[in-house]
Every structure is written in C-alpha cells, then in structure tokens.
C-alpha atoms as a PDB file:
ATOM      1  CA  MET A   1      -8.530 260.825 191.459  1.00  0.00           C
ATOM      2  CA  GLY A   2     -10.981 258.617 194.148  1.00  0.00           C
ATOM      3  CA  PHE A   3     -13.114 256.219 193.997  1.00  0.00           C
ATOM      4  CA  ARG A   4     -15.316 258.172 193.135  1.00  0.00           C
ATOM      5  CA  GLY A   5     -13.431 260.043 190.260  1.00  0.00           C
ATOM      6  CA  LEU A   6     -12.777 256.445 188.927  1.00  0.00           C
ATOM      7  CA  LEU A   7     -16.376 254.816 189.192  1.00  0.00           C
ATOM      8  CA  ALA A   8     -17.068 257.975 186.724  1.00  0.00           C
ATOM      9  CA  SER A   9     -14.387 257.441 184.387  1.00  0.00           C
ATOM     10  CA  VAL A  10     -16.082 253.536 183.740  1.00  0.00           C
ATOM     11  CA  ALA A  11     -19.445 255.200 183.949  1.00  0.00           C
ATOM     12  CA  ALA A  12     -18.329 257.976 180.764  1.00  0.00           C
ATOM     13  CA  SER A  13     -16.459 254.607 179.138  1.00  0.00           C
ATOM     14  CA  CYS A  14     -19.363 252.302 179.444  1.00  0.00           C
ATOM     15  CA  LEU A  15     -21.673 254.957 178.157  1.00  0.00           C
ATOM     16  CA  PHE A  16     -19.736 255.727 175.343  1.00  0.00           C
ATOM     17  CA  TRP A  17     -19.152 251.814 174.409  1.00  0.00           C
ATOM     18  CA  LEU A  18     -23.455 251.237 174.735  1.00  0.00           C
ATOM     19  CA  LEU A  19     -23.357 254.830 171.982  1.00  0.00           C
ATOM     20  CA  GLY A  20     -20.625 252.904 169.768  1.00  0.00           C
ATOM     21  CA  TRP A  21     -23.673 250.044 169.567  1.00  0.00           C
ATOM     22  CA  VAL A  22     -26.423 252.157 169.343  1.00  0.00           C
ATOM     23  CA  TYR A  23     -26.011 254.767 166.709  1.00  0.00           C
ATOM     24  CA  THR A  24     -23.066 254.717 164.302  1.00  0.00           C
ATOM     25  CA  PRO A  25     -22.279 257.317 161.444  1.00  0.00           C
ATOM     26  CA  ALA A  26     -22.721 256.059 157.728  1.00  0.00           C
ATOM     27  CA  ALA A  27     -19.448 255.542 156.600  1.00  0.00           C
ATOM     28  CA  LEU A  28     -18.134 257.567 153.956  1.00  0.00           C
ATOM     29  CA  ALA A  29     -15.734 255.094 151.628  1.00  0.00           C
ATOM     30  CA  LEU A  30     -14.415 255.722 148.244  1.00  0.00           C
ATOM     31  CA  THR A  31     -17.487 254.754 145.740  1.00  0.00           C
ATOM     32  CA  PRO A  32     -15.823 253.712 142.460  1.00  0.00           C
ATOM     33  CA  ILE A  33     -18.494 254.483 138.663  1.00  0.00           C
ATOM     34  CA  THR A  34     -17.391 252.925 135.632  1.00  0.00           C
ATOM     35  CA  LEU A  35     -16.534 254.941 132.671  1.00  0.00           C
ATOM     36  CA  SER A  36     -17.775 253.102 129.289  1.00  0.00           C
ATOM     37  CA  ASP A  37     -18.320 254.957 125.899  1.00  0.00           C
ATOM     38  CA  ILE A  38     -15.468 257.258 125.798  1.00  0.00           C
ATOM     39  CA  SER A  39     -14.975 259.781 123.057  1.00  0.00           C
ATOM     40  CA  TYR A  40     -13.952 263.609 122.588  1.00  0.00           C
ATOM     41  CA  HIS A  41     -15.108 266.078 119.877  1.00  0.00           C
ATOM     42  CA  GLU A  42     -13.166 269.728 119.971  1.00  0.00           C
ATOM     43  CA  CYS A  43     -15.092 271.764 122.153  1.00  0.00           C
ATOM     44  CA  PRO A  44     -17.339 274.479 120.310  1.00  0.00           C
ATOM     45  CA  THR A  45     -15.991 277.621 119.613  1.00  0.00           C
ATOM     46  CA  GLU A  46     -17.556 279.964 122.012  1.00  0.00           C
ATOM     47  CA  MET A  47     -15.835 277.653 124.492  1.00  0.00           C
ATOM     48  CA  ALA A  48     -12.610 276.942 123.108  1.00  0.00           C
ATOM     49  CA  LYS A  49     -12.238 280.549 122.412  1.00  0.00           C
ATOM     50  CA  GLY A  50      -8.769 282.050 124.316  1.00  0.00           C
ATOM     51  CA  THR A  51      -8.128 278.462 125.449  1.00  0.00           C
ATOM     52  CA  VAL A  52      -3.788 277.961 126.818  1.00  0.00           C
ATOM     53  CA  THR A  53      -2.013 275.411 128.262  1.00  0.00           C
ATOM     54  CA  ALA A  54      -1.788 275.885 131.495  1.00  0.00           C
ATOM     55  CA  GLY A  55       1.314 277.937 133.076  1.00  0.00           C
ATOM     56  CA  SER A  56       2.076 279.250 129.590  1.00  0.00           C
ATOM     57  CA  SER A  57       0.697 281.157 126.605  1.00  0.00           C
ATOM     58  CA  GLN A  58       1.212 278.229 123.994  1.00  0.00           C
ATOM     59  CA  ALA A  59      -1.910 277.353 122.334  1.00  0.00           C
ATOM     60  CA  ALA A  60      -4.222 274.686 122.533  1.00  0.00           C
ATOM     61  CA  LYS A  61      -7.169 272.826 121.145  1.00  0.00           C
ATOM     62  CA  CYS A  62      -9.913 272.716 123.196  1.00  0.00           C
ATOM     63  CA  TYR A  63     -11.448 268.460 123.593  1.00  0.00           C
ATOM     64  CA  LEU A  64     -14.731 267.293 125.152  1.00  0.00           C
ATOM     65  CA  VAL A  65     -14.348 263.929 126.587  1.00  0.00           C
ATOM     66  CA  THR A  66     -18.007 262.882 126.848  1.00  0.00           C
ATOM     67  CA  GLY A  67     -19.142 259.514 127.873  1.00  0.00           C
ATOM     68  CA  LYS A  68     -21.331 257.307 130.284  1.00  0.00           C
ATOM     69  CA  ALA A  69     -20.962 257.130 133.787  1.00  0.00           C
ATOM     70  CA  GLU A  70     -22.648 254.219 135.459  1.00  0.00           C
ATOM     71  CA  ASN A  71     -23.015 254.198 139.545  1.00  0.00           C
ATOM     72  CA  THR A  72     -23.884 251.191 141.301  1.00  0.00           C
ATOM     73  CA  SER A  73     -24.288 251.976 144.949  1.00  0.00           C
ATOM     74  CA  ASN A  74     -28.093 253.275 144.444  1.00  0.00           C
ATOM     75  CA  LYS A  75     -26.434 256.147 146.097  1.00  0.00           C
ATOM     76  CA  LEU A  76     -25.390 260.062 144.238  1.00  0.00           C
ATOM     77  CA  VAL A  77     -21.815 259.856 144.293  1.00  0.00           C
ATOM     78  CA  VAL A  78     -20.276 263.824 144.901  1.00  0.00           C
ATOM     79  CA  ASN A  79     -16.949 264.594 143.395  1.00  0.00           C
ATOM     80  CA  ALA A  80     -15.933 261.930 141.754  1.00  0.00           C
ATOM     81  CA  ASP A  81     -12.473 261.777 140.257  1.00  0.00           C
ATOM     82  CA  ILE A  82     -11.659 261.154 136.287  1.00  0.00           C
ATOM     83  CA  PHE A  83      -7.933 259.577 136.213  1.00  0.00           C
ATOM     84  CA  GLY A  84      -7.239 258.097 132.890  1.00  0.00           C
ATOM     85  CA  ARG A  85      -4.277 258.661 130.591  1.00  0.00           C
ATOM     86  CA  ILE A  86      -4.354 260.453 127.153  1.00  0.00           C
ATOM     87  CA  TYR A  87      -1.725 259.812 124.394  1.00  0.00           C
ATOM     88  CA  ASP A  88      -1.812 261.743 121.215  1.00  0.00           C
ATOM     89  CA  ALA A  89      -1.286 260.424 117.110  1.00  0.00           C
ATOM     90  CA  LYS A  90       2.292 259.500 117.859  1.00  0.00           C
ATOM     91  CA  ASN A  91       1.494 257.339 121.183  1.00  0.00           C
ATOM     92  CA  GLU A  92       2.903 260.678 123.513  1.00  0.00           C
ATOM     93  CA  PRO A  93       1.464 261.466 126.548  1.00  0.00           C
ATOM     94  CA  VAL A  94      -0.374 264.483 126.450  1.00  0.00           C
ATOM     95  CA  PHE A  95      -0.621 265.414 130.842  1.00  0.00           C
ATOM     96  CA  GLN A  96       2.604 263.956 131.699  1.00  0.00           C
ATOM     97  CA  ASN A  97       2.619 262.617 134.755  1.00  0.00           C
ATOM     98  CA  ARG A  98      -1.038 263.162 136.009  1.00  0.00           C
ATOM     99  CA  THR A  99      -3.490 260.963 135.604  1.00  0.00           C
ATOM    100  CA  ARG A 100      -6.412 263.024 137.287  1.00  0.00           C
ATOM    101  CA  LEU A 101      -7.662 264.837 134.220  1.00  0.00           C
ATOM    102  CA  GLY A 102     -10.613 266.612 136.138  1.00  0.00           C
ATOM    103  CA  SER A 103     -13.883 265.309 138.453  1.00  0.00           C
ATOM    104  CA  ILE A 104     -17.544 264.867 138.180  1.00  0.00           C
ATOM    105  CA  GLU A 105     -19.573 266.599 140.128  1.00  0.00           C
ATOM    106  CA  GLU A 106     -22.771 264.786 141.002  1.00  0.00           C
ATOM    107  CA  VAL A 107     -22.780 260.808 139.663  1.00  0.00           C
ATOM    108  CA  PRO A 108     -26.814 260.009 140.353  1.00  0.00           C
ATOM    109  CA  PRO A 109     -27.450 255.810 140.053  1.00  0.00           C
ATOM    110  CA  GLY A 110     -27.391 253.846 137.425  1.00  0.00           C
ATOM    111  CA  VAL A 111     -26.215 255.005 134.256  1.00  0.00           C
ATOM    112  CA  SER A 112     -25.481 258.810 133.335  1.00  0.00           C
ATOM    113  CA  ASP A 113     -23.678 260.893 131.098  1.00  0.00           C
ATOM    114  CA  PHE A 114     -20.666 263.165 131.205  1.00  0.00           C
ATOM    115  CA  GLU A 115     -18.428 265.302 130.400  1.00  0.00           C
ATOM    116  CA  LEU A 116     -14.769 267.168 130.979  1.00  0.00           C
ATOM    117  CA  ARG A 117     -13.309 269.603 129.626  1.00  0.00           C
ATOM    118  CA  ILE A 118      -9.381 269.106 128.535  1.00  0.00           C
ATOM    119  CA  SER A 119      -6.712 271.664 126.669  1.00  0.00           C
ATOM    120  CA  VAL A 120      -4.249 270.290 124.742  1.00  0.00           C
ATOM    121  CA  PRO A 121      -1.476 271.801 123.232  1.00  0.00           C
ATOM    122  CA  SER A 122      -2.034 272.318 119.359  1.00  0.00           C
ATOM    123  CA  ASN A 123       1.485 271.053 118.322  1.00  0.00           C
ATOM    124  CA  GLN A 124      -0.159 267.818 119.789  1.00  0.00           C
ATOM    125  CA  PRO A 125      -1.271 265.394 116.225  1.00  0.00           C
ATOM    126  CA  THR A 126      -4.851 263.772 116.393  1.00  0.00           C
ATOM    127  CA  PRO A 127      -5.548 261.398 117.008  1.00  0.00           C
ATOM    128  CA  LEU A 128      -5.977 261.930 121.019  1.00  0.00           C
ATOM    129  CA  GLN A 129      -6.531 257.749 121.762  1.00  0.00           C
ATOM    130  CA  LEU A 130      -7.851 257.541 125.065  1.00  0.00           C
ATOM    131  CA  LYS A 131      -6.693 254.687 127.380  1.00  0.00           C
ATOM    132  CA  GLN A 132      -7.605 253.291 131.343  1.00  0.00           C
ATOM    133  CA  PHE A 133     -10.707 255.892 132.060  1.00  0.00           C
ATOM    134  CA  LYS A 134     -12.078 255.360 135.402  1.00  0.00           C
ATOM    135  CA  ALA A 135     -14.237 257.450 138.518  1.00  0.00           C
ATOM    136  CA  ALA A 136     -14.644 257.288 142.037  1.00  0.00           C
ATOM    137  CA  GLY A 137     -16.090 259.235 144.468  1.00  0.00           C
ATOM    138  CA  PHE A 138     -17.833 259.776 148.157  1.00  0.00           C
ATOM    139  CA  THR A 139     -21.781 259.109 148.891  1.00  0.00           C
ATOM    140  CA  GLY A 140     -21.493 262.796 151.362  1.00  0.00           C
ATOM    141  CA  LYS A 141     -19.697 265.847 151.261  1.00  0.00           C
ATOM    142  CA  VAL A 142     -15.974 265.662 152.490  1.00  0.00           C
ATOM    143  CA  ARG A 143     -16.017 268.752 153.035  1.00  0.00           C
ATOM    144  CA  ARG A 144     -16.933 271.052 154.920  1.00  0.00           C
END
C-alpha cells in the first residue's frame, strides 16, 4: 500500500468516526414491564376444547392468567416475554424448570390489561399460586 492508499484509509476512518458523532442509531435495550393484579380463571369452554399437555396425550385444564402491565418507557414495547412461577395447591411447580410462560405482543406506554393462556395437567390440584411475575421486551422490532 502506497502513500495514496494510506491517505485513503485515514480519510475513510475519519469519515466513519465523524458519521458516528452525527448519526447514532436508536439502541434496542431490554425494557422492563411491571406486572400487577395477577389472577387466573378457567378458559371459556370453546377456548379449552381439546386442551392437552405439550408432548403428551394427558388431559389438561385451560386457564387464562390476567393482570395489568405497566410500561414506563413512553415507547411501545413489542414481544414482551412474561416470566413467573406457577405452583399447584400442594406447592408443586406446574411447569418444571421453566419460568418463561409466554409473551405479550404489544405493551403501549402506561398501564394496560394483558391475558395469557396456559394449560395445566388436570391432575394438579387447585387453587394455583402465581408468583414472581414480570415481563421484559424491546422498544423496536428485533426479528428481521
């Protein structure tokens, strides 16, 4: 590489450095969502029809977990993953080794309602105990 090549490389580097100061893309940071007023009830009959536990033919009961989702970011959050623990009446976990329960497609700024459908093996006694619920998502599309 001669003097001209070196000069072109230095000029290109300076241009990229300058553009970095002028244009900075929006950061896609994980945004926490506070979940509150968590409760559950059985699914309507038409929604629960044919419910089975994943990977087996064991009968299951369908439940809707509902609550409030608070987004304090002032931006729309998309694909917010819901995490939590669910135990049966005997304090046995409903989902072994799994805390991600589902997701909320969109969480607008402020407080909004959310709903999550879960299937619980019919041999697990109720009432269910819903603990440590939280959510987190992104303020921009992550997938291409």
